[in-house]
Amino acid sequence: MNINTGKSINLKHIFFQSLGVAFLGAVLGSLLIGFKLQSRGISLELDWRLSQVLAVAFFVFLGRFCLGLQQIKLGLLSIFVTIAVCAYMITAILLSVQTPESSKAGNHLLLPYSDMKLNWMTSVIYLGLFLYLIYRFFKKRTVLDSRIQNKKWKFRLNKNIQMILIIAFLLLLISAPFLQIIDRRILNILTQILLYIVLGWGLSIVVGLAGLLDLGYVAFYAVGAYAYALLSLHFDFSFWLSLPLAGLLAAALGIILGFPVLRLRGDYLAIVTLGFGEIIRMVLVNWYEFTGGPNGINQIPKPALFGYLFDEPKGNGNTVSEWLGIEYSSETFYIFMYLLVLSMAFGVFWFIRKLRRLPIGRAWEAIREDEIACRALGLNPTNIKLTAFATGAMIAGFAGAFFAAYQGFISPESFTFVESITILAIVVLGGMGNLFGIALAAILLIFMLELRDLEMFRMLALGVLQVFVMIWRPHGLISRRSPTVYRLMSTKGVS
């Protein structure tokens, strides 16, 4: 009897609290979307959109009420409500998009907002709320099971099953461009995601492993891109020869940057690297004779496969379509570039995993934890930081050369401070030093940036995601990292 009374009181309290939050949402909604100017003839009239304001109040009330249900141990009900709302919104949006223009008016009645951006934003918010409720529900179950069984809840797969899943995932990635559901736009997004994964892994060496906050990482990215463009245009270097040279030039620039910032830490290091990135961008803008200035460099040669070009065949026998005996298609080049960046991602992944277990990798992590202790152990912080800067810059140089070859045009506008912040956000959100977490964060962020319907809300959504991660996952989406050194202990003689 007391338990039921307590639940009813809590439920009543949550209900009225949700009403208060909904009223606040209605007030803010009336200021933001409640009024709209309509042109009628030669005059402008202000329309009051009451249905839009009521929709905002309803979704705010429902979201706050679901959070309250989770607090009074009704988490399953709140999870069901949020996923139902999310599924309804996404289904209604897809129906309105796929329906012909003549019958779209009827389908708009299914959607709460007349503006499609608000419908997408509501779907994303409820999807995030669903994921949070799932996380809280299973976290409580894990704590409860650990208290009952006096051990932590663990979920482990058999090694054979893990290997099968990994091989299946790799085969899916390799065969993705050949699937019928993958069109040019989706393939471009996948290529962009893989490129940002490579950049995130390169920055994780500097930020995640060595603990050096670098806000000018895009400078090395730009050096690699311009190195390939200039070498291929003025010296007729092939892509395969320019690729390692671009990485070496970016690594040399990383060493040059490393020398003046060796004694700086924390915010001071971040400010200097930020200034260095802006210096490189201003050089690219103002050195018109060498870099093309604001106009950039266009008509950058495409990579060739064993000397065969991806151009339209002209009877010379030097194209890929003639060599393979297939019909010419412009999709062939994009499939090749996707497989190329996929191979680059595999190579960078293997390279970083090996480096972490070498003495230099352990030295990076040691200098991140305590530089004074490293000096006491006889390690040279100067060489350790320089190798971290050079290795991360080299990977960025490789990615920059690929970017220039893929786009065929580069300009200073492609290497702004926003790019550095995006790459840094990928590393921080994924978990500094965790390669799988960085890959997951890159998928989420690039997918979010590619939502054209939410162009006005993309930066807002990115900020909200960062705040959520800082509150609930302060060490990143995947904070666990495998140890670089394992201690082998014998069970003999151990009590």
Protein backbone atom coordinates (compact mmCIF):
# COMPACT_ATOMS: atom_id res chain seq x y z
CA MET A 1 0.00 0.00 0.00
CA ASN A 2 2.78 2.38 0.88
CA ILE A 3 4.69 1.46 -2.25
CA ASN A 4 1.72 2.22 -4.48
CA THR A 5 1.13 5.50 -2.66
CA GLY A 6 4.74 6.47 -3.12
CA LYS A 7 4.57 5.70 -6.83
CA SER A 8 1.37 7.70 -7.28
CA ILE A 9 2.89 10.68 -5.49
CA ASN A 10 6.05 10.50 -7.58
CA LEU A 11 4.05 10.10 -10.77
CA LYS A 12 1.90 13.11 -9.90
CA HIS A 13 4.97 15.16 -9.12
CA ILE A 14 6.59 14.18 -12.42
CA PHE A 15 3.41 14.95 -14.34
CA PHE A 16 3.13 18.50 -13.03
CA GLN A 17 6.84 19.06 -13.42
CA SER A 18 6.57 17.97 -17.06
CA LEU A 19 3.68 20.40 -17.51
CA GLY A 20 5.87 23.22 -16.23
CA VAL A 21 8.69 22.31 -18.59
CA ALA A 22 6.18 22.04 -21.47
CA PHE A 23 4.86 25.54 -20.66
CA LEU A 24 8.39 26.89 -20.82
CA GLY A 25 8.91 25.09 -24.13
CA ALA A 26 5.68 26.61 -25.47
CA VAL A 27 6.86 30.10 -24.53
CA LEU A 28 10.21 29.63 -26.23
CA GLY A 29 8.55 27.92 -29.19
CA SER A 30 6.14 30.80 -29.68
CA LEU A 31 9.11 33.17 -29.88
CA LEU A 32 11.09 31.01 -32.30
CA ILE A 33 8.54 29.38 -34.60
CA GLY A 34 5.17 30.71 -33.43
CA PHE A 35 5.06 33.60 -35.88
CA LYS A 36 5.74 33.66 -39.60
CA LEU A 37 5.55 36.44 -42.17
CA GLN A 38 3.36 35.61 -45.15
CA SER A 39 3.26 37.58 -48.38
CA ARG A 40 -0.27 38.28 -49.53
CA GLY A 41 -0.35 40.47 -52.56
CA ILE A 42 1.66 43.61 -51.88
CA SER A 43 1.44 43.36 -48.10
CA LEU A 44 3.05 41.23 -45.41
CA GLU A 45 0.95 39.65 -42.70
CA LEU A 46 2.04 37.98 -39.50
CA ASP A 47 0.50 34.52 -39.05
CA TRP A 48 0.20 32.87 -35.64
CA ARG A 49 1.07 29.17 -35.94
CA LEU A 50 -0.67 27.74 -32.90
CA SER A 51 -0.35 24.11 -34.06
CA GLN A 52 3.43 24.40 -34.24
CA VAL A 53 3.65 25.79 -30.70
CA LEU A 54 1.38 23.07 -29.37
CA ALA A 55 3.53 20.44 -31.07
CA VAL A 56 6.65 21.85 -29.36
CA ALA A 57 4.88 21.82 -25.98
CA PHE A 58 3.67 18.24 -26.50
CA PHE A 59 7.10 16.84 -27.43
CA VAL A 60 8.79 18.69 -24.56
CA PHE A 61 6.19 17.36 -22.12
CA LEU A 62 6.49 13.80 -23.43
CA GLY A 63 10.29 13.83 -23.33
CA ARG A 64 10.41 15.18 -19.77
CA PHE A 65 7.73 12.71 -18.69
CA CYS A 66 9.75 9.78 -20.12
CA LEU A 67 12.79 10.90 -18.14
CA GLY A 68 10.60 10.96 -15.03
CA LEU A 69 9.32 7.46 -15.69
CA GLN A 70 12.90 6.26 -15.79
CA GLN A 71 13.44 7.74 -12.33
CA ILE A 72 10.57 5.80 -10.75
CA LYS A 73 11.68 2.44 -12.18
CA LEU A 74 9.42 2.48 -15.22
CA GLY A 75 12.30 2.53 -17.65
CA LEU A 76 10.84 -0.03 -20.05
CA LEU A 77 7.71 2.07 -20.54
CA SER A 78 9.74 5.21 -21.23
CA ILE A 79 11.94 3.31 -23.70
CA PHE A 80 8.87 2.01 -25.53
CA VAL A 81 7.33 5.50 -25.75
CA THR A 82 10.49 7.16 -27.08
CA ILE A 83 11.20 4.52 -29.72
CA ALA A 84 7.54 4.61 -30.80
CA VAL A 85 7.70 8.40 -31.28
CA CYS A 86 11.00 8.14 -33.13
CA ALA A 87 9.73 5.38 -35.42
CA TYR A 88 6.54 7.29 -36.15
CA MET A 89 8.40 10.50 -37.03
CA ILE A 90 10.94 8.80 -39.30
CA THR A 91 8.23 6.79 -41.06
CA ALA A 92 6.11 9.90 -41.63
CA ILE A 93 9.12 11.81 -42.98
CA LEU A 94 10.04 9.04 -45.40
CA LEU A 95 6.46 8.78 -46.60
CA SER A 96 6.28 12.51 -47.24
CA VAL A 97 9.57 12.46 -49.14
CA GLN A 98 8.78 9.46 -51.34
CA THR A 99 5.21 10.49 -52.13
CA PRO A 100 4.61 12.34 -55.44
CA GLU A 101 3.97 16.06 -55.34
CA SER A 102 0.28 15.63 -56.13
CA SER A 103 -0.42 13.66 -52.94
CA LYS A 104 2.13 15.16 -50.57
CA ALA A 105 -0.43 17.49 -48.99
CA GLY A 106 -2.27 14.60 -47.42
CA ASN A 107 0.88 13.10 -45.96
CA HIS A 108 1.89 16.39 -44.34
CA LEU A 109 -0.99 15.83 -41.91
CA LEU A 110 1.07 12.98 -40.42
CA LEU A 111 3.86 15.35 -39.47
CA PRO A 112 3.63 17.74 -36.49
CA TYR A 113 5.57 20.53 -38.21
CA SER A 114 5.23 22.07 -41.64
CA ASP A 115 8.99 22.64 -41.71
CA MET A 116 10.83 19.40 -42.49
CA LYS A 117 13.91 20.55 -40.55
CA LEU A 118 11.93 20.62 -37.30
CA ASN A 119 10.59 17.13 -37.97
CA TRP A 120 14.11 15.81 -38.50
CA MET A 121 15.34 17.61 -35.39
CA THR A 122 12.56 16.09 -33.26
CA SER A 123 13.40 12.61 -34.58
CA VAL A 124 17.08 13.02 -33.76
CA ILE A 125 16.34 14.33 -30.26
CA TYR A 126 14.03 11.41 -29.47
CA LEU A 127 16.54 8.96 -30.89
CA GLY A 128 19.17 10.39 -28.56
CA LEU A 129 16.70 10.20 -25.66
CA PHE A 130 16.01 6.55 -26.52
CA LEU A 131 19.72 5.72 -26.51
CA TYR A 132 20.19 7.49 -23.18
CA LEU A 133 17.28 5.61 -21.58
CA ILE A 134 18.65 2.32 -22.89
CA TYR A 135 22.05 3.15 -21.42
CA ARG A 136 20.57 4.06 -18.02
CA PHE A 137 18.36 0.97 -17.95
CA PHE A 138 21.16 -1.50 -18.65
CA LYS A 139 23.54 0.35 -16.36
CA LYS A 140 21.16 -0.13 -13.45
CA ARG A 141 20.69 -3.79 -14.37
CA THR A 142 24.47 -4.24 -14.46
CA VAL A 143 24.92 -2.65 -11.04
CA LEU A 144 22.10 -4.78 -9.63
CA ASP A 145 23.52 -8.01 -11.04
CA SER A 146 26.99 -7.16 -9.75
CA ARG A 147 25.63 -6.60 -6.27
CA ILE A 148 23.74 -9.90 -6.35
CA GLN A 149 26.54 -11.99 -7.83
CA ASN A 150 29.42 -10.00 -6.26
CA LYS A 151 31.07 -9.60 -9.63
CA LYS A 152 30.92 -7.24 -12.58
CA TRP A 153 28.68 -8.01 -15.50
CA LYS A 154 30.74 -8.94 -18.55
CA PHE A 155 29.76 -9.81 -22.05
CA ARG A 156 32.38 -11.65 -24.02
CA LEU A 157 32.20 -13.44 -27.30
CA ASN A 158 34.14 -16.52 -28.21
CA LYS A 159 37.33 -15.73 -30.13
CA ASN A 160 36.15 -17.75 -33.09
CA ILE A 161 32.87 -15.79 -33.18
CA GLN A 162 34.82 -12.53 -32.90
CA MET A 163 36.99 -13.53 -35.84
CA ILE A 164 33.94 -14.49 -37.92
CA LEU A 165 32.25 -11.16 -37.16
CA ILE A 166 35.40 -9.20 -38.03
CA ILE A 167 35.85 -11.05 -41.34
CA ALA A 168 32.17 -10.53 -42.20
CA PHE A 169 32.45 -6.82 -41.43
CA LEU A 170 35.57 -6.46 -43.58
CA LEU A 171 33.89 -8.28 -46.47
CA LEU A 172 30.91 -5.95 -46.11
CA LEU A 173 33.16 -2.90 -46.28
CA ILE A 174 34.98 -4.20 -49.35
CA SER A 175 31.78 -5.16 -51.17
CA ALA A 176 29.85 -2.00 -50.19
CA PRO A 177 30.50 -0.01 -53.42
CA PHE A 178 29.25 -2.92 -55.54
CA LEU A 179 25.85 -3.12 -53.84
CA GLN A 180 22.85 -1.78 -55.73
CA ILE A 181 21.61 0.30 -52.79
CA ILE A 182 24.88 2.28 -52.72
CA ASP A 183 24.62 5.22 -55.10
CA ARG A 184 27.15 7.98 -55.85
CA ARG A 185 26.11 10.13 -52.89
CA ILE A 186 26.25 7.33 -50.33
CA LEU A 187 29.61 6.18 -51.71
CA ASN A 188 30.91 9.74 -51.36
CA ILE A 189 29.74 9.85 -47.74
CA LEU A 190 31.42 6.51 -46.99
CA THR A 191 34.65 7.76 -48.54
CA GLN A 192 34.48 10.94 -46.51
CA ILE A 193 33.86 8.98 -43.30
CA LEU A 194 36.91 6.79 -43.94
CA LEU A 195 39.02 9.88 -44.67
CA TYR A 196 38.02 11.47 -41.36
CA ILE A 197 38.68 8.19 -39.58
CA VAL A 198 42.26 8.29 -40.91
CA LEU A 199 42.62 11.92 -39.81
CA GLY A 200 41.18 11.12 -36.39
CA TRP A 201 43.57 8.23 -35.90
CA GLY A 202 46.49 10.46 -36.88
CA LEU A 203 45.47 13.15 -34.39
CA SER A 204 44.94 10.52 -31.70
CA ILE A 205 48.70 9.93 -31.69
CA VAL A 206 49.32 13.55 -30.73
CA VAL A 207 46.30 14.15 -28.49
CA GLY A 208 45.32 10.71 -27.24
CA LEU A 209 48.65 8.95 -26.82
CA ALA A 210 51.16 11.80 -26.28
CA GLY A 211 48.69 14.13 -24.52
CA LEU A 212 49.58 17.20 -26.63
CA LEU A 213 46.58 19.40 -27.48
CA ASP A 214 46.94 20.31 -31.17
CA LEU A 215 44.43 22.78 -32.66
CA GLY A 216 46.34 23.27 -35.91
CA TYR A 217 46.27 19.71 -37.21
CA VAL A 218 44.59 20.84 -40.42
CA ALA A 219 47.87 22.50 -41.43
CA PHE A 220 49.50 19.12 -42.04
CA TYR A 221 46.39 18.03 -43.93
CA ALA A 222 46.76 21.08 -46.18
CA VAL A 223 50.48 20.48 -46.74
CA GLY A 224 49.81 16.95 -47.95
CA ALA A 225 47.08 18.11 -50.33
CA TYR A 226 49.11 20.97 -51.81
CA ALA A 227 52.22 18.79 -52.01
CA TYR A 228 50.47 16.28 -54.25
CA ALA A 229 48.79 18.99 -56.34
CA LEU A 230 52.02 20.90 -57.00
CA LEU A 231 54.19 17.84 -57.55
CA SER A 232 51.75 16.31 -60.00
CA LEU A 233 51.12 19.52 -61.96
CA HIS A 234 54.60 21.08 -62.11
CA PHE A 235 56.88 18.04 -61.92
CA ASP A 236 54.58 15.40 -63.46
CA PHE A 237 54.92 13.11 -60.42
CA SER A 238 52.48 10.22 -60.22
CA PHE A 239 50.12 9.78 -57.32
CA TRP A 240 52.00 6.77 -55.97
CA LEU A 241 55.26 8.72 -55.91
CA SER A 242 53.70 11.90 -54.52
CA LEU A 243 51.87 10.07 -51.73
CA PRO A 244 54.97 9.18 -49.64
CA LEU A 245 56.55 12.54 -50.45
CA ALA A 246 53.46 14.35 -49.18
CA GLY A 247 53.65 12.36 -45.96
CA LEU A 248 57.35 13.12 -45.53
CA LEU A 249 56.84 16.84 -46.16
CA ALA A 250 54.03 16.95 -43.59
CA ALA A 251 56.22 15.04 -41.10
CA ALA A 252 59.04 17.54 -41.64
CA LEU A 253 56.60 20.36 -40.97
CA GLY A 254 55.51 18.56 -37.80
CA ILE A 255 59.12 18.46 -36.61
CA ILE A 256 59.50 22.17 -37.39
CA LEU A 257 56.38 22.88 -35.35
CA GLY A 258 57.58 20.63 -32.55
CA PHE A 259 60.78 22.51 -31.81
CA PRO A 260 59.31 25.85 -30.64
CA VAL A 261 56.49 24.26 -28.62
CA LEU A 262 58.45 21.64 -26.71
CA ARG A 263 58.36 23.57 -23.44
CA LEU A 264 54.69 24.51 -23.68
CA ARG A 265 51.81 22.62 -22.12
CA GLY A 266 48.06 22.75 -21.94
CA ASP A 267 46.40 25.95 -23.10
CA TYR A 268 49.66 27.55 -24.21
CA LEU A 269 50.39 24.65 -26.53
CA ALA A 270 46.86 24.83 -27.92
CA ILE A 271 47.19 28.55 -28.67
CA VAL A 272 50.52 28.12 -30.46
CA THR A 273 49.27 25.24 -32.61
CA LEU A 274 46.13 27.21 -33.41
CA GLY A 275 48.29 30.12 -34.58
CA PHE A 276 50.45 27.78 -36.62
CA GLY A 277 47.41 26.39 -38.45
CA GLU A 278 46.20 29.90 -39.27
CA ILE A 279 49.68 30.89 -40.48
CA ILE A 280 49.70 28.01 -42.95
CA ARG A 281 46.24 28.96 -44.19
CA MET A 282 47.22 32.62 -44.66
CA VAL A 283 50.33 31.54 -46.57
CA LEU A 284 48.14 29.48 -48.89
CA VAL A 285 45.82 32.45 -49.39
CA ASN A 286 48.47 35.11 -50.05
CA TRP A 287 51.19 33.20 -51.94
CA TYR A 288 49.29 33.49 -55.19
CA GLU A 289 52.15 32.57 -57.55
CA PHE A 290 52.83 29.29 -55.77
CA THR A 291 49.50 28.08 -54.37
CA GLY A 292 47.00 29.88 -56.57
CA GLY A 293 45.82 32.03 -53.69
CA PRO A 294 42.09 32.05 -52.86
CA ASN A 295 41.33 30.52 -56.26
CA GLY A 296 43.11 27.31 -55.29
CA ILE A 297 44.40 24.66 -57.69
CA ASN A 298 42.13 22.84 -60.10
CA GLN A 299 42.50 20.08 -62.69
CA ILE A 300 44.61 17.97 -60.34
CA PRO A 301 45.47 14.67 -62.10
CA LYS A 302 43.62 11.54 -61.03
CA PRO A 303 45.56 8.54 -59.75
CA ALA A 304 46.33 5.80 -62.25
CA LEU A 305 46.11 2.07 -61.65
CA PHE A 306 49.29 0.40 -62.93
CA GLY A 307 49.62 3.18 -65.47
CA TYR A 308 46.02 2.90 -66.70
CA LEU A 309 43.83 5.99 -66.42
CA PHE A 310 40.21 6.24 -65.29
CA ASP A 311 39.33 8.52 -68.21
CA GLU A 312 36.92 7.85 -71.04
CA PRO A 313 38.53 5.48 -73.60
CA LYS A 314 39.86 7.10 -76.78
CA GLY A 315 41.26 4.03 -78.51
CA ASN A 316 44.75 4.32 -77.06
CA GLY A 317 44.40 1.31 -74.79
CA ASN A 318 45.64 3.21 -71.73
CA THR A 319 42.40 3.32 -69.73
CA VAL A 320 41.15 1.02 -67.01
CA SER A 321 37.97 0.12 -68.92
CA GLU A 322 39.98 -0.99 -71.96
CA TRP A 323 42.49 -2.85 -69.82
CA LEU A 324 39.80 -4.77 -67.90
CA GLY A 325 37.51 -5.11 -70.92
CA ILE A 326 34.52 -3.52 -69.19
CA GLU A 327 32.17 -0.75 -70.19
CA TYR A 328 33.33 2.73 -69.23
CA SER A 329 31.59 4.29 -66.23
CA SER A 330 32.48 7.29 -64.13
CA GLU A 331 31.57 5.22 -61.05
CA THR A 332 34.74 3.15 -61.52
CA PHE A 333 36.97 5.98 -60.33
CA TYR A 334 34.94 6.57 -57.17
CA ILE A 335 34.88 2.86 -56.37
CA PHE A 336 38.64 2.75 -56.78
CA MET A 337 39.13 5.77 -54.49
CA TYR A 338 36.84 4.21 -51.88
CA LEU A 339 38.87 1.00 -51.89
CA LEU A 340 42.06 3.07 -51.76
CA VAL A 341 41.03 5.04 -48.66
CA LEU A 342 39.76 1.80 -47.11
CA SER A 343 43.19 0.25 -47.64
CA MET A 344 44.78 3.39 -46.20
CA ALA A 345 42.56 3.12 -43.11
CA PHE A 346 43.54 -0.54 -42.62
CA GLY A 347 47.22 0.37 -42.97
CA VAL A 348 46.99 3.24 -40.47
CA PHE A 349 45.10 1.04 -38.01
CA TRP A 350 47.75 -1.68 -38.19
CA PHE A 351 50.55 0.91 -37.98
CA ILE A 352 49.19 2.58 -34.82
CA ARG A 353 48.46 -0.74 -33.14
CA LYS A 354 52.05 -1.83 -33.71
CA LEU A 355 53.47 1.52 -32.59
CA ARG A 356 51.60 1.38 -29.28
CA ARG A 357 53.37 -1.83 -28.34
CA LEU A 358 56.81 -0.56 -29.31
CA PRO A 359 58.97 1.42 -26.87
CA ILE A 360 58.11 4.68 -28.64
CA GLY A 361 54.38 4.05 -28.14
CA ARG A 362 54.85 3.36 -24.45
CA ALA A 363 56.99 6.48 -24.21
CA TRP A 364 54.15 8.58 -25.69
CA GLU A 365 51.75 7.32 -23.05
CA ALA A 366 54.33 7.81 -20.32
CA ILE A 367 54.91 11.45 -21.25
CA ARG A 368 51.17 11.99 -21.33
CA GLU A 369 50.84 10.74 -17.76
CA ASP A 370 53.83 12.45 -16.14
CA GLU A 371 56.60 14.28 -17.97
CA ILE A 372 58.68 14.80 -14.82
CA ALA A 373 58.67 11.07 -14.07
CA CYS A 374 59.78 10.41 -17.65
CA ARG A 375 62.74 12.71 -17.20
CA ALA A 376 63.61 10.92 -13.97
CA LEU A 377 63.56 7.60 -15.84
CA GLY A 378 66.04 8.91 -18.40
CA LEU A 379 63.59 9.48 -21.26
CA ASN A 380 64.09 12.43 -23.55
CA PRO A 381 60.80 14.40 -23.76
CA THR A 382 62.10 16.40 -26.73
CA ASN A 383 62.53 13.38 -28.97
CA ILE A 384 59.30 11.79 -27.76
CA LYS A 385 57.20 14.88 -28.58
CA LEU A 386 58.92 15.34 -31.93
CA THR A 387 58.17 11.76 -32.96
CA ALA A 388 54.53 12.20 -31.92
CA PHE A 389 54.17 15.40 -33.96
CA ALA A 390 55.97 13.91 -36.95
CA THR A 391 53.99 10.64 -36.97
CA GLY A 392 50.62 12.35 -36.65
CA ALA A 393 51.57 14.90 -39.31
CA MET A 394 52.70 12.15 -41.70
CA ILE A 395 49.31 10.43 -41.50
CA ALA A 396 47.60 13.78 -42.12
CA GLY A 397 49.85 14.30 -45.15
CA PHE A 398 48.76 10.96 -46.61
CA ALA A 399 45.11 11.91 -46.05
CA GLY A 400 45.69 15.32 -47.66
CA ALA A 401 47.20 13.78 -50.79
CA PHE A 402 44.22 11.46 -51.09
CA PHE A 403 41.82 14.38 -50.63
CA ALA A 404 43.46 16.38 -53.42
CA ALA A 405 43.40 13.39 -55.78
CA TYR A 406 39.79 12.60 -54.95
CA GLN A 407 38.41 16.12 -55.28
CA GLY A 408 40.55 17.29 -58.19
CA PHE A 409 40.40 20.81 -56.74
CA ILE A 410 41.73 22.31 -53.50
CA SER A 411 41.65 25.78 -52.02
CA PRO A 412 42.43 27.34 -48.62
CA GLU A 413 38.72 27.22 -47.81
CA SER A 414 39.01 23.45 -47.42
CA PHE A 415 41.54 23.77 -44.57
CA THR A 416 39.99 26.18 -42.09
CA PHE A 417 39.98 26.08 -38.31
CA VAL A 418 36.57 24.36 -38.41
CA GLU A 419 38.25 21.30 -39.94
CA SER A 420 40.69 21.09 -37.03
CA ILE A 421 37.82 21.36 -34.55
CA THR A 422 35.88 18.63 -36.38
CA ILE A 423 38.83 16.24 -36.28
CA LEU A 424 39.51 17.07 -32.63
CA ALA A 425 35.82 16.52 -31.80
CA ILE A 426 36.02 13.08 -33.41
CA VAL A 427 38.99 12.16 -31.22
CA VAL A 428 37.47 13.51 -28.00
CA LEU A 429 33.99 12.09 -28.56
CA GLY A 430 35.29 8.68 -29.58
CA GLY A 431 37.72 8.33 -26.70
CA MET A 432 41.27 9.60 -26.84
CA GLY A 433 43.57 6.79 -27.86
CA ASN A 434 40.78 4.30 -28.67
CA LEU A 435 40.78 3.53 -32.39
CA PHE A 436 37.34 1.90 -32.47
CA GLY A 437 35.78 4.77 -30.55
CA ILE A 438 37.26 7.31 -32.95
CA ALA A 439 35.86 5.38 -35.91
CA LEU A 440 32.40 5.34 -34.28
CA ALA A 441 32.56 9.08 -33.55
CA ALA A 442 33.60 9.81 -37.14
CA ILE A 443 30.59 7.88 -38.44
CA LEU A 444 28.22 9.80 -36.15
CA LEU A 445 29.66 13.25 -36.82
CA ILE A 446 30.03 12.96 -40.59
CA PHE A 447 26.56 11.50 -40.88
CA MET A 448 25.27 14.43 -38.82
CA LEU A 449 27.10 16.94 -41.01
CA GLU A 450 25.68 15.34 -44.15
CA LEU A 451 22.06 15.85 -43.09
CA ARG A 452 21.24 18.62 -45.54
CA ASP A 453 17.73 19.06 -44.14
CA LEU A 454 19.26 19.98 -40.78
CA GLU A 455 21.82 22.44 -42.12
CA MET A 456 20.68 25.20 -39.74
CA PHE A 457 20.89 22.90 -36.72
CA ARG A 458 24.04 20.90 -37.46
CA MET A 459 26.39 22.90 -35.25
CA LEU A 460 23.72 23.04 -32.53
CA ALA A 461 23.35 19.26 -32.67
CA LEU A 462 27.14 18.85 -32.55
CA GLY A 463 27.33 21.04 -29.43
CA VAL A 464 24.49 19.15 -27.75
CA LEU A 465 26.19 15.83 -28.52
CA GLN A 466 29.44 17.07 -26.99
CA VAL A 467 27.65 18.22 -23.85
CA PHE A 468 25.94 14.82 -23.50
CA VAL A 469 29.25 13.00 -23.90
CA MET A 470 30.96 15.26 -21.35
CA ILE A 471 28.20 14.56 -18.82
CA TRP A 472 27.61 10.83 -19.28
CA ARG A 473 30.79 9.63 -21.00
CA PRO A 474 33.55 12.06 -19.99
CA HIS A 475 36.26 9.78 -21.38
CA GLY A 476 34.56 9.29 -24.76
CA LEU A 477 32.08 6.88 -26.27
CA ILE A 478 34.54 4.00 -25.85
CA SER A 479 36.94 4.89 -23.07
CA ARG A 480 38.46 1.45 -22.54
CA ARG A 481 41.85 0.88 -24.13
CA SER A 482 43.74 -2.37 -24.34
CA PRO A 483 47.00 -2.28 -22.36
CA THR A 484 50.22 -1.93 -24.28
CA VAL A 485 52.19 -4.10 -21.85
CA TYR A 486 50.94 -7.34 -20.35
CA ARG A 487 52.40 -8.78 -17.17
CA LEU A 488 52.86 -12.53 -17.37
CA MET A 489 52.31 -14.15 -13.99
CA SER A 490 52.74 -17.78 -13.12
CA THR A 491 50.13 -19.44 -10.93
CA LYS A 492 52.82 -21.49 -9.19
CA GLY A 493 53.66 -20.22 -5.77
CA VAL A 494 50.91 -17.60 -5.81
CA SER A 495 48.58 -17.82 -2.87
